[in-house]
Amino acid sequence: MGEAKTTVMKSRTKSNMKDLVFIMLGILSYSVGYTAFILPEKVVMGGASGIAALVFYATEIPTWISLAVINCTLLLIALKALNLQFIIRTLTGVGILLFFVGVLQPFFEAHPIITAGEDKFMHVLIGGAMGGAGLGLVFSHNGSTGGTDIITVLLNKYFNMSFGRAMQFVDCTIICSSYLLFRSTETIVYGVAFTLVATIVCDYVINGSRQTVQFLIISKKYQEIADAINTDVRRGVTLIEGKGWYSKKDVDLLIVLTRKYESQEVFAVIKAIDPDAVVSQTFCQGVFGEGFDKIK
């Protein structure tokens, strides 16, 4: 019993360390996109980073200071409404974010890698892609960057507003407020572009690694196909006995779950054994369990 408990603890520690490494890499990517491509172009995005950017453009107060004040204020306001795990996760993510932004902003101000205004739209796209990829890594490893995530949780809890709608409401409010400072709708357009790109890339990072394919295979040579998939693709196969309604004959149906990148191997096996097999392929949002993602 003691050995089993020790093994579980070691496994959890290893998993937590892995998550922390990827959270740091994700926040680093977000911070580079934010400080190297977005701030020089004076673009306002959603979230606490957008508020910090507005403050920086108006007063030149470093963004890490504004981020620290915003997150501390929101956490104190919402302390009773948040659970301990969310608070710990948020403090960890915010601490890493403040460090990277605090170091990278003065670095890129002294050593710019872009010329502001030269190709603003491309810079926004690059910043959005890096920001979205970074957030995708953070979220897929149970991390949080704080900020308006806290407001979103509060809106969901007290006003029964969905997380997606709450995030859209908060982000649109921040982006539109940039008009008060710049008196230009162009800034709003760039902010919306950043948000769209970041959202698409973030979703791709989160769901891309989890994309799986389900095969339904009907073949008279089902035994050979099942053995080959087990041996060559190294995936499990489930056999279901059925009956064809038109022919009234018994039919053996194979169900196979694989990663998306393994699907061509499955097709190659089927084609080599029975080119006339009936095959149905569908994409799954995620498969959890042995051989796939862990249930979290």
C-alpha atoms as a PDB file:
ATOM      1  CA  MET A   1       0.000   0.000   0.000  1.00  0.00           C
ATOM      2  CA  GLY A   2       2.831   2.355   0.918  1.00  0.00           C
ATOM      3  CA  GLU A   3       4.717   1.608  -2.307  1.00  0.00           C
ATOM      4  CA  ALA A   4       1.595   2.259  -4.377  1.00  0.00           C
ATOM      5  CA  LYS A   5       1.084   5.605  -2.631  1.00  0.00           C
ATOM      6  CA  THR A   6       4.734   6.547  -3.240  1.00  0.00           C
ATOM      7  CA  THR A   7       4.411   5.636  -6.923  1.00  0.00           C
ATOM      8  CA  VAL A   8       1.277   7.787  -7.258  1.00  0.00           C
ATOM      9  CA  MET A   9       3.022  10.725  -5.545  1.00  0.00           C
ATOM     10  CA  LYS A  10       6.061  10.413  -7.844  1.00  0.00           C
ATOM     11  CA  SER A  11       3.786  10.259 -10.869  1.00  0.00           C
ATOM     12  CA  ARG A  12       1.910  13.390  -9.762  1.00  0.00           C
ATOM     13  CA  THR A  13       5.147  15.244  -9.059  1.00  0.00           C
ATOM     14  CA  LYS A  14       6.500  14.333 -12.496  1.00  0.00           C
ATOM     15  CA  SER A  15       3.242  15.416 -14.129  1.00  0.00           C
ATOM     16  CA  ASN A  16       3.234  18.731 -12.218  1.00  0.00           C
ATOM     17  CA  MET A  17       6.841  19.442 -13.196  1.00  0.00           C
ATOM     18  CA  LYS A  18       6.042  18.704 -16.842  1.00  0.00           C
ATOM     19  CA  ASP A  19       3.041  21.048 -16.673  1.00  0.00           C
ATOM     20  CA  LEU A  20       5.175  23.782 -15.092  1.00  0.00           C
ATOM     21  CA  VAL A  21       7.805  23.545 -17.852  1.00  0.00           C
ATOM     22  CA  PHE A  22       5.189  23.841 -20.610  1.00  0.00           C
ATOM     23  CA  ILE A  23       3.407  26.664 -18.763  1.00  0.00           C
ATOM     24  CA  MET A  24       6.696  28.577 -18.624  1.00  0.00           C
ATOM     25  CA  LEU A  25       7.320  27.978 -22.341  1.00  0.00           C
ATOM     26  CA  GLY A  26       3.770  29.086 -23.133  1.00  0.00           C
ATOM     27  CA  ILE A  27       4.034  32.276 -21.095  1.00  0.00           C
ATOM     28  CA  LEU A  28       7.444  32.986 -22.663  1.00  0.00           C
ATOM     29  CA  SER A  29       5.914  32.729 -26.142  1.00  0.00           C
ATOM     30  CA  TYR A  30       3.033  35.004 -25.120  1.00  0.00           C
ATOM     31  CA  SER A  31       5.417  37.518 -23.534  1.00  0.00           C
ATOM     32  CA  VAL A  32       7.648  37.709 -26.624  1.00  0.00           C
ATOM     33  CA  GLY A  33       4.661  38.266 -28.901  1.00  0.00           C
ATOM     34  CA  TYR A  34       3.280  40.894 -26.510  1.00  0.00           C
ATOM     35  CA  THR A  35       6.469  42.881 -25.852  1.00  0.00           C
ATOM     36  CA  ALA A  36       8.246  42.498 -29.220  1.00  0.00           C
ATOM     37  CA  PHE A  37       5.357  42.800 -31.692  1.00  0.00           C
ATOM     38  CA  ILE A  38       2.298  44.306 -29.997  1.00  0.00           C
ATOM     39  CA  LEU A  39       3.555  47.039 -27.665  1.00  0.00           C
ATOM     40  CA  PRO A  40       5.798  48.718 -30.296  1.00  0.00           C
ATOM     41  CA  GLU A  41       2.773  48.936 -32.635  1.00  0.00           C
ATOM     42  CA  LYS A  42       0.527  50.374 -29.897  1.00  0.00           C
ATOM     43  CA  VAL A  43      -2.192  47.759 -30.356  1.00  0.00           C
ATOM     44  CA  VAL A  44      -4.718  47.037 -27.595  1.00  0.00           C
ATOM     45  CA  MET A  45      -5.945  43.479 -27.094  1.00  0.00           C
ATOM     46  CA  GLY A  46      -8.318  42.045 -24.530  1.00  0.00           C
ATOM     47  CA  GLY A  47      -7.533  40.882 -21.022  1.00  0.00           C
ATOM     48  CA  ALA A  48      -5.348  42.385 -18.326  1.00  0.00           C
ATOM     49  CA  SER A  49      -2.540  42.713 -20.872  1.00  0.00           C
ATOM     50  CA  GLY A  50      -4.758  45.028 -22.909  1.00  0.00           C
ATOM     51  CA  ILE A  51      -5.468  47.222 -19.866  1.00  0.00           C
ATOM     52  CA  ALA A  52      -1.743  47.279 -19.013  1.00  0.00           C
ATOM     53  CA  ALA A  53      -0.961  48.247 -22.622  1.00  0.00           C
ATOM     54  CA  LEU A  54      -3.451  51.142 -22.478  1.00  0.00           C
ATOM     55  CA  VAL A  55      -1.874  52.383 -19.247  1.00  0.00           C
ATOM     56  CA  PHE A  56       1.607  52.109 -20.795  1.00  0.00           C
ATOM     57  CA  TYR A  57       0.621  54.045 -23.935  1.00  0.00           C
ATOM     58  CA  ALA A  58      -0.935  56.807 -21.822  1.00  0.00           C
ATOM     59  CA  THR A  59       1.599  57.064 -18.978  1.00  0.00           C
ATOM     60  CA  GLU A  60       4.657  54.941 -19.984  1.00  0.00           C
ATOM     61  CA  ILE A  61       4.322  52.945 -16.744  1.00  0.00           C
ATOM     62  CA  PRO A  62       5.927  49.527 -17.452  1.00  0.00           C
ATOM     63  CA  THR A  63       3.283  46.920 -18.204  1.00  0.00           C
ATOM     64  CA  TRP A  64       4.486  44.464 -15.553  1.00  0.00           C
ATOM     65  CA  ILE A  65       3.608  46.997 -12.834  1.00  0.00           C
ATOM     66  CA  SER A  66       0.070  47.451 -14.184  1.00  0.00           C
ATOM     67  CA  LEU A  67      -0.327  43.682 -14.557  1.00  0.00           C
ATOM     68  CA  ALA A  68       0.743  43.175 -10.930  1.00  0.00           C
ATOM     69  CA  VAL A  69      -1.701  45.821  -9.644  1.00  0.00           C
ATOM     70  CA  ILE A  70      -4.600  44.528 -11.786  1.00  0.00           C
ATOM     71  CA  ASN A  71      -4.130  40.893 -10.775  1.00  0.00           C
ATOM     72  CA  CYS A  72      -3.634  41.628  -7.069  1.00  0.00           C
ATOM     73  CA  THR A  73      -6.733  43.854  -7.039  1.00  0.00           C
ATOM     74  CA  LEU A  74      -8.897  41.290  -8.844  1.00  0.00           C
ATOM     75  CA  LEU A  75      -7.695  38.442  -6.626  1.00  0.00           C
ATOM     76  CA  LEU A  76      -8.479  40.425  -3.457  1.00  0.00           C
ATOM     77  CA  ILE A  77     -11.941  41.320  -4.759  1.00  0.00           C
ATOM     78  CA  ALA A  78     -12.757  37.773  -5.820  1.00  0.00           C
ATOM     79  CA  LEU A  79     -10.937  35.895  -3.060  1.00  0.00           C
ATOM     80  CA  LYS A  80     -14.093  34.470  -1.470  1.00  0.00           C
ATOM     81  CA  ALA A  81     -15.532  33.365  -4.808  1.00  0.00           C
ATOM     82  CA  LEU A  82     -12.454  31.436  -5.998  1.00  0.00           C
ATOM     83  CA  ASN A  83     -11.246  28.007  -4.930  1.00  0.00           C
ATOM     84  CA  LEU A  84      -7.724  27.431  -3.599  1.00  0.00           C
ATOM     85  CA  GLN A  85      -6.549  25.503  -6.663  1.00  0.00           C
ATOM     86  CA  PHE A  86      -7.519  28.349  -9.017  1.00  0.00           C
ATOM     87  CA  ILE A  87      -5.772  30.903  -6.765  1.00  0.00           C
ATOM     88  CA  ILE A  88      -2.526  28.887  -6.622  1.00  0.00           C
ATOM     89  CA  ARG A  89      -2.618  28.289 -10.377  1.00  0.00           C
ATOM     90  CA  THR A  90      -3.252  31.971 -11.030  1.00  0.00           C
ATOM     91  CA  LEU A  91      -0.503  33.209  -8.692  1.00  0.00           C
ATOM     92  CA  THR A  92       1.997  30.853 -10.349  1.00  0.00           C
ATOM     93  CA  GLY A  93       1.058  31.932 -13.875  1.00  0.00           C
ATOM     94  CA  VAL A  94       0.959  35.627 -13.003  1.00  0.00           C
ATOM     95  CA  GLY A  95       4.362  35.425 -11.264  1.00  0.00           C
ATOM     96  CA  ILE A  96       5.967  33.870 -14.355  1.00  0.00           C
ATOM     97  CA  LEU A  97       4.221  36.388 -16.638  1.00  0.00           C
ATOM     98  CA  LEU A  98       5.395  39.377 -14.588  1.00  0.00           C
ATOM     99  CA  PHE A  99       8.976  38.096 -14.676  1.00  0.00           C
ATOM    100  CA  PHE A 100       9.086  37.564 -18.453  1.00  0.00           C
ATOM    101  CA  VAL A 101       7.272  40.810 -19.323  1.00  0.00           C
ATOM    102  CA  GLY A 102       9.415  42.773 -16.855  1.00  0.00           C
ATOM    103  CA  VAL A 103      12.597  41.455 -18.436  1.00  0.00           C
ATOM    104  CA  LEU A 104      11.548  41.410 -22.096  1.00  0.00           C
ATOM    105  CA  GLN A 105       9.868  44.821 -22.410  1.00  0.00           C
ATOM    106  CA  PRO A 106      13.003  46.894 -21.645  1.00  0.00           C
ATOM    107  CA  PHE A 107      15.096  44.411 -23.646  1.00  0.00           C
ATOM    108  CA  PHE A 108      13.028  44.829 -26.828  1.00  0.00           C
ATOM    109  CA  GLU A 109      12.827  48.589 -26.295  1.00  0.00           C
ATOM    110  CA  ALA A 110      16.645  48.682 -26.329  1.00  0.00           C
ATOM    111  CA  HIS A 111      17.006  46.000 -29.035  1.00  0.00           C
ATOM    112  CA  PRO A 112      13.879  46.135 -31.262  1.00  0.00           C
ATOM    113  CA  ILE A 113      13.402  43.273 -33.685  1.00  0.00           C
ATOM    114  CA  ILE A 114      10.800  45.165 -35.754  1.00  0.00           C
ATOM    115  CA  THR A 115      10.406  48.681 -37.088  1.00  0.00           C
ATOM    116  CA  ALA A 116       7.117  50.016 -35.731  1.00  0.00           C
ATOM    117  CA  GLY A 117       4.659  50.975 -38.467  1.00  0.00           C
ATOM    118  CA  GLU A 118       6.639  49.245 -41.222  1.00  0.00           C
ATOM    119  CA  ASP A 119       4.230  46.310 -41.565  1.00  0.00           C
ATOM    120  CA  LYS A 120       1.788  46.740 -38.721  1.00  0.00           C
ATOM    121  CA  PHE A 121      -0.737  44.110 -39.803  1.00  0.00           C
ATOM    122  CA  MET A 122       1.935  41.420 -40.180  1.00  0.00           C
ATOM    123  CA  HIS A 123       3.335  42.264 -36.764  1.00  0.00           C
ATOM    124  CA  VAL A 124      -0.150  41.946 -35.256  1.00  0.00           C
ATOM    125  CA  LEU A 125      -0.553  38.533 -36.923  1.00  0.00           C
ATOM    126  CA  ILE A 126       2.809  37.322 -35.587  1.00  0.00           C
ATOM    127  CA  GLY A 127       2.078  38.680 -32.116  1.00  0.00           C
ATOM    128  CA  GLY A 128      -1.375  37.087 -32.156  1.00  0.00           C
ATOM    129  CA  ALA A 129       0.000  33.728 -33.289  1.00  0.00           C
ATOM    130  CA  MET A 130       2.704  33.722 -30.595  1.00  0.00           C
ATOM    131  CA  GLY A 131       0.233  34.881 -27.959  1.00  0.00           C
ATOM    132  CA  GLY A 132      -2.375  32.295 -28.956  1.00  0.00           C
ATOM    133  CA  ALA A 133       0.169  29.466 -29.096  1.00  0.00           C
ATOM    134  CA  GLY A 134       1.477  30.464 -25.677  1.00  0.00           C
ATOM    135  CA  LEU A 135      -1.978  30.586 -24.120  1.00  0.00           C
ATOM    136  CA  GLY A 136      -2.805  27.254 -25.749  1.00  0.00           C
ATOM    137  CA  LEU A 137       0.193  25.647 -24.041  1.00  0.00           C
ATOM    138  CA  VAL A 138      -0.732  27.245 -20.714  1.00  0.00           C
ATOM    139  CA  PHE A 139      -4.392  26.160 -20.823  1.00  0.00           C
ATOM    140  CA  SER A 140      -3.651  22.638 -22.096  1.00  0.00           C
ATOM    141  CA  HIS A 141      -1.376  22.112 -19.089  1.00  0.00           C
ATOM    142  CA  ASN A 142      -3.876  23.388 -16.494  1.00  0.00           C
ATOM    143  CA  GLY A 143      -2.279  26.817 -16.161  1.00  0.00           C
ATOM    144  CA  SER A 144      -3.745  30.303 -15.852  1.00  0.00           C
ATOM    145  CA  THR A 145      -2.436  33.780 -16.580  1.00  0.00           C
ATOM    146  CA  GLY A 146      -4.935  35.438 -14.250  1.00  0.00           C
ATOM    147  CA  GLY A 147      -6.189  38.840 -15.306  1.00  0.00           C
ATOM    148  CA  THR A 148      -9.682  38.853 -16.769  1.00  0.00           C
ATOM    149  CA  ASP A 149      -9.957  35.094 -16.205  1.00  0.00           C
ATOM    150  CA  ILE A 150     -10.920  36.148 -12.682  1.00  0.00           C
ATOM    151  CA  ILE A 151     -13.629  38.518 -13.951  1.00  0.00           C
ATOM    152  CA  THR A 152     -14.901  35.749 -16.228  1.00  0.00           C
ATOM    153  CA  VAL A 153     -15.232  33.373 -13.282  1.00  0.00           C
ATOM    154  CA  LEU A 154     -17.147  36.019 -11.305  1.00  0.00           C
ATOM    155  CA  LEU A 155     -19.523  36.793 -14.189  1.00  0.00           C
ATOM    156  CA  ASN A 156     -20.155  33.092 -14.648  1.00  0.00           C
ATOM    157  CA  LYS A 157     -20.839  32.550 -10.962  1.00  0.00           C
ATOM    158  CA  TYR A 158     -22.986  35.559 -10.091  1.00  0.00           C
ATOM    159  CA  PHE A 159     -24.674  36.397 -13.416  1.00  0.00           C
ATOM    160  CA  ASN A 160     -24.941  32.890 -14.891  1.00  0.00           C
ATOM    161  CA  MET A 161     -23.065  34.065 -17.990  1.00  0.00           C
ATOM    162  CA  SER A 162     -21.222  31.444 -20.035  1.00  0.00           C
ATOM    163  CA  PHE A 163     -17.413  31.582 -19.986  1.00  0.00           C
ATOM    164  CA  GLY A 164     -17.212  32.250 -23.727  1.00  0.00           C
ATOM    165  CA  ARG A 165     -19.738  35.096 -23.617  1.00  0.00           C
ATOM    166  CA  ALA A 166     -18.143  36.564 -20.500  1.00  0.00           C
ATOM    167  CA  MET A 167     -14.690  36.559 -22.141  1.00  0.00           C
ATOM    168  CA  GLN A 168     -16.077  38.196 -25.291  1.00  0.00           C
ATOM    169  CA  PHE A 169     -17.834  40.873 -23.238  1.00  0.00           C
ATOM    170  CA  VAL A 170     -14.719  41.735 -21.230  1.00  0.00           C
ATOM    171  CA  ASP A 171     -12.338  41.692 -24.218  1.00  0.00           C
ATOM    172  CA  CYS A 172     -14.625  43.804 -26.431  1.00  0.00           C
ATOM    173  CA  THR A 173     -15.006  46.372 -23.660  1.00  0.00           C
ATOM    174  CA  ILE A 174     -11.223  46.712 -23.261  1.00  0.00           C
ATOM    175  CA  ILE A 175     -10.499  46.840 -27.007  1.00  0.00           C
ATOM    176  CA  CYS A 176     -13.216  49.420 -27.685  1.00  0.00           C
ATOM    177  CA  SER A 177     -11.960  51.594 -24.825  1.00  0.00           C
ATOM    178  CA  SER A 178      -8.762  52.178 -26.835  1.00  0.00           C
ATOM    179  CA  TYR A 179     -10.791  54.658 -28.916  1.00  0.00           C
ATOM    180  CA  LEU A 180     -10.846  57.015 -25.933  1.00  0.00           C
ATOM    181  CA  LEU A 181      -7.038  57.201 -26.045  1.00  0.00           C
ATOM    182  CA  PHE A 182      -6.249  57.061 -29.773  1.00  0.00           C
ATOM    183  CA  ARG A 183      -9.505  58.429 -31.266  1.00  0.00           C
ATOM    184  CA  SER A 184      -9.078  55.919 -34.067  1.00  0.00           C
ATOM    185  CA  THR A 185     -11.167  52.936 -35.147  1.00  0.00           C
ATOM    186  CA  GLU A 186      -8.029  51.477 -36.761  1.00  0.00           C
ATOM    187  CA  THR A 187      -6.694  50.539 -33.319  1.00  0.00           C
ATOM    188  CA  ILE A 188      -9.937  48.676 -32.582  1.00  0.00           C
ATOM    189  CA  VAL A 189      -9.663  46.762 -35.868  1.00  0.00           C
ATOM    190  CA  TYR A 190      -6.094  45.703 -35.079  1.00  0.00           C
ATOM    191  CA  GLY A 191      -7.151  44.678 -31.572  1.00  0.00           C
ATOM    192  CA  VAL A 192      -9.964  42.531 -32.979  1.00  0.00           C
ATOM    193  CA  ALA A 193      -7.550  41.000 -35.515  1.00  0.00           C
ATOM    194  CA  PHE A 194      -5.119  40.109 -32.738  1.00  0.00           C
ATOM    195  CA  THR A 195      -7.908  38.526 -30.683  1.00  0.00           C
ATOM    196  CA  LEU A 196      -9.210  36.463 -33.620  1.00  0.00           C
ATOM    197  CA  VAL A 197      -5.754  35.158 -34.566  1.00  0.00           C
ATOM    198  CA  ALA A 198      -4.848  34.408 -30.937  1.00  0.00           C
ATOM    199  CA  THR A 199      -8.154  32.579 -30.380  1.00  0.00           C
ATOM    200  CA  ILE A 200      -7.802  30.428 -33.521  1.00  0.00           C
ATOM    201  CA  VAL A 201      -4.179  29.496 -32.785  1.00  0.00           C
ATOM    202  CA  CYS A 202      -4.972  28.860 -29.115  1.00  0.00           C
ATOM    203  CA  ASP A 203      -7.800  26.466 -30.048  1.00  0.00           C
ATOM    204  CA  TYR A 204      -5.558  24.730 -32.580  1.00  0.00           C
ATOM    205  CA  VAL A 205      -2.810  24.164 -30.009  1.00  0.00           C
ATOM    206  CA  ILE A 206      -5.272  22.875 -27.406  1.00  0.00           C
ATOM    207  CA  ASN A 207      -7.264  20.608 -29.721  1.00  0.00           C
ATOM    208  CA  GLY A 208      -4.639  19.779 -32.344  1.00  0.00           C
ATOM    209  CA  SER A 209      -2.628  17.522 -30.056  1.00  0.00           C
ATOM    210  CA  ARG A 210      -5.817  15.753 -28.954  1.00  0.00           C
ATOM    211  CA  GLN A 211      -7.275  15.140 -32.401  1.00  0.00           C
ATOM    212  CA  THR A 212      -8.069  11.498 -32.829  1.00  0.00           C
ATOM    213  CA  VAL A 213      -9.694   9.445 -35.551  1.00  0.00           C
ATOM    214  CA  GLN A 214     -12.275   6.701 -35.201  1.00  0.00           C
ATOM    215  CA  PHE A 215     -12.471   3.981 -37.855  1.00  0.00           C
ATOM    216  CA  LEU A 216     -15.428   1.674 -38.472  1.00  0.00           C
ATOM    217  CA  ILE A 217     -14.250  -1.189 -40.704  1.00  0.00           C
ATOM    218  CA  ILE A 218     -16.444  -3.853 -42.318  1.00  0.00           C
ATOM    219  CA  SER A 219     -14.513  -6.615 -44.035  1.00  0.00           C
ATOM    220  CA  LYS A 220     -14.619 -10.384 -44.511  1.00  0.00           C
ATOM    221  CA  LYS A 221     -10.911 -10.353 -43.684  1.00  0.00           C
ATOM    222  CA  TYR A 222     -11.485  -8.594 -40.372  1.00  0.00           C
ATOM    223  CA  GLN A 223      -9.207 -10.975 -38.442  1.00  0.00           C
ATOM    224  CA  GLU A 224      -6.191 -10.239 -40.649  1.00  0.00           C
ATOM    225  CA  ILE A 225      -6.900  -6.477 -40.533  1.00  0.00           C
ATOM    226  CA  ALA A 226      -7.283  -6.500 -36.735  1.00  0.00           C
ATOM    227  CA  ASP A 227      -4.032  -8.450 -36.287  1.00  0.00           C
ATOM    228  CA  ALA A 228      -2.145  -6.101 -38.629  1.00  0.00           C
ATOM    229  CA  ILE A 229      -3.436  -2.980 -36.857  1.00  0.00           C
ATOM    230  CA  ASN A 230      -2.431  -4.466 -33.506  1.00  0.00           C
ATOM    231  CA  THR A 231       1.025  -5.394 -34.783  1.00  0.00           C
ATOM    232  CA  ASP A 232       1.934  -2.635 -37.261  1.00  0.00           C
ATOM    233  CA  VAL A 233       0.045   0.417 -35.959  1.00  0.00           C
ATOM    234  CA  ARG A 234       0.102  -0.770 -32.342  1.00  0.00           C
ATOM    235  CA  ARG A 235      -3.461   0.263 -31.648  1.00  0.00           C
ATOM    236  CA  GLY A 236      -6.265  -1.656 -30.001  1.00  0.00           C
ATOM    237  CA  VAL A 237      -9.173  -3.034 -32.002  1.00  0.00           C
ATOM    238  CA  THR A 238     -12.710  -3.748 -30.807  1.00  0.00           C
ATOM    239  CA  LEU A 239     -14.823  -6.362 -32.609  1.00  0.00           C
ATOM    240  CA  ILE A 240     -18.595  -5.981 -32.753  1.00  0.00           C
ATOM    241  CA  GLU A 241     -20.845  -8.674 -34.212  1.00  0.00           C
ATOM    242  CA  GLY A 242     -23.787  -7.380 -36.231  1.00  0.00           C
ATOM    243  CA  LYS A 243     -26.118  -8.229 -39.065  1.00  0.00           C
ATOM    244  CA  GLY A 244     -26.554  -6.592 -42.457  1.00  0.00           C
ATOM    245  CA  TRP A 245     -30.198  -5.557 -42.724  1.00  0.00           C
ATOM    246  CA  TYR A 246     -30.416  -5.961 -46.509  1.00  0.00           C
ATOM    247  CA  SER A 247     -28.488  -9.223 -46.820  1.00  0.00           C
ATOM    248  CA  LYS A 248     -29.616 -10.586 -43.437  1.00  0.00           C
ATOM    249  CA  LYS A 249     -26.089 -11.995 -43.099  1.00  0.00           C
ATOM    250  CA  ASP A 250     -23.801 -11.720 -40.072  1.00  0.00           C
ATOM    251  CA  VAL A 251     -21.332  -8.842 -40.255  1.00  0.00           C
ATOM    252  CA  ASP A 252     -18.203  -8.294 -38.180  1.00  0.00           C
ATOM    253  CA  LEU A 253     -17.426  -4.639 -37.462  1.00  0.00           C
ATOM    254  CA  LEU A 254     -14.033  -3.357 -36.253  1.00  0.00           C
ATOM    255  CA  ILE A 255     -13.719  -0.153 -34.235  1.00  0.00           C
ATOM    256  CA  VAL A 256     -10.272   1.464 -34.099  1.00  0.00           C
ATOM    257  CA  LEU A 257      -9.216   4.688 -32.338  1.00  0.00           C
ATOM    258  CA  THR A 258      -5.926   6.262 -33.421  1.00  0.00           C
ATOM    259  CA  ARG A 259      -4.155   9.580 -33.432  1.00  0.00           C
ATOM    260  CA  LYS A 260      -4.775  11.666 -36.552  1.00  0.00           C
ATOM    261  CA  TYR A 261      -1.186  11.207 -37.763  1.00  0.00           C
ATOM    262  CA  GLU A 262      -1.610   7.402 -37.580  1.00  0.00           C
ATOM    263  CA  SER A 263      -4.662   7.307 -39.852  1.00  0.00           C
ATOM    264  CA  GLN A 264      -2.660   6.795 -43.060  1.00  0.00           C
ATOM    265  CA  GLU A 265      -1.024   3.712 -41.548  1.00  0.00           C
ATOM    266  CA  VAL A 266      -4.470   2.253 -40.851  1.00  0.00           C
ATOM    267  CA  PHE A 267      -5.595   2.945 -44.426  1.00  0.00           C
ATOM    268  CA  ALA A 268      -2.409   1.338 -45.762  1.00  0.00           C
ATOM    269  CA  VAL A 269      -3.064  -1.815 -43.713  1.00  0.00           C
ATOM    270  CA  ILE A 270      -6.686  -2.053 -44.873  1.00  0.00           C
ATOM    271  CA  LYS A 271      -5.804  -1.449 -48.524  1.00  0.00           C
ATOM    272  CA  ALA A 272      -3.068  -4.091 -48.479  1.00  0.00           C
ATOM    273  CA  ILE A 273      -5.355  -6.757 -46.990  1.00  0.00           C
ATOM    274  CA  ASP A 274      -8.812  -5.948 -48.373  1.00  0.00           C
ATOM    275  CA  PRO A 275      -9.138  -3.041 -50.849  1.00  0.00           C
ATOM    276  CA  ASP A 276     -12.916  -3.667 -50.991  1.00  0.00           C
ATOM    277  CA  ALA A 277     -13.446  -3.166 -47.242  1.00  0.00           C
ATOM    278  CA  VAL A 278     -16.059  -0.618 -46.192  1.00  0.00           C
ATOM    279  CA  VAL A 279     -14.358   2.035 -44.053  1.00  0.00           C
ATOM    280  CA  SER A 280     -15.850   4.972 -42.192  1.00  0.00           C
ATOM    281  CA  GLN A 281     -13.502   7.628 -40.737  1.00  0.00           C
ATOM    282  CA  THR A 282     -14.647  10.276 -38.269  1.00  0.00           C
ATOM    283  CA  PHE A 283     -12.706  12.869 -36.280  1.00  0.00           C
ATOM    284  CA  CYS A 284     -13.027  12.961 -32.505  1.00  0.00           C
ATOM    285  CA  GLN A 285     -12.497  16.050 -30.350  1.00  0.00           C
ATOM    286  CA  GLY A 286     -10.557  13.996 -27.834  1.00  0.00           C
ATOM    287  CA  VAL A 287     -10.121  10.459 -26.563  1.00  0.00           C
ATOM    288  CA  PHE A 288      -9.117   9.823 -22.982  1.00  0.00           C
ATOM    289  CA  GLY A 289      -7.788   6.724 -21.317  1.00  0.00           C
ATOM    290  CA  GLU A 290      -5.031   4.192 -21.878  1.00  0.00           C
ATOM    291  CA  GLY A 291      -2.925   5.039 -24.930  1.00  0.00           C
ATOM    292  CA  PHE A 292      -4.408   8.521 -25.270  1.00  0.00           C
ATOM    293  CA  ASP A 293      -4.828  11.573 -23.021  1.00  0.00           C
ATOM    294  CA  LYS A 294      -5.228  11.263 -19.276  1.00  0.00           C
ATOM    295  CA  ILE A 295      -8.555  12.260 -17.783  1.00  0.00           C
ATOM    296  CA  LYS A 296      -7.944  15.503 -15.840  1.00  0.00           C
END
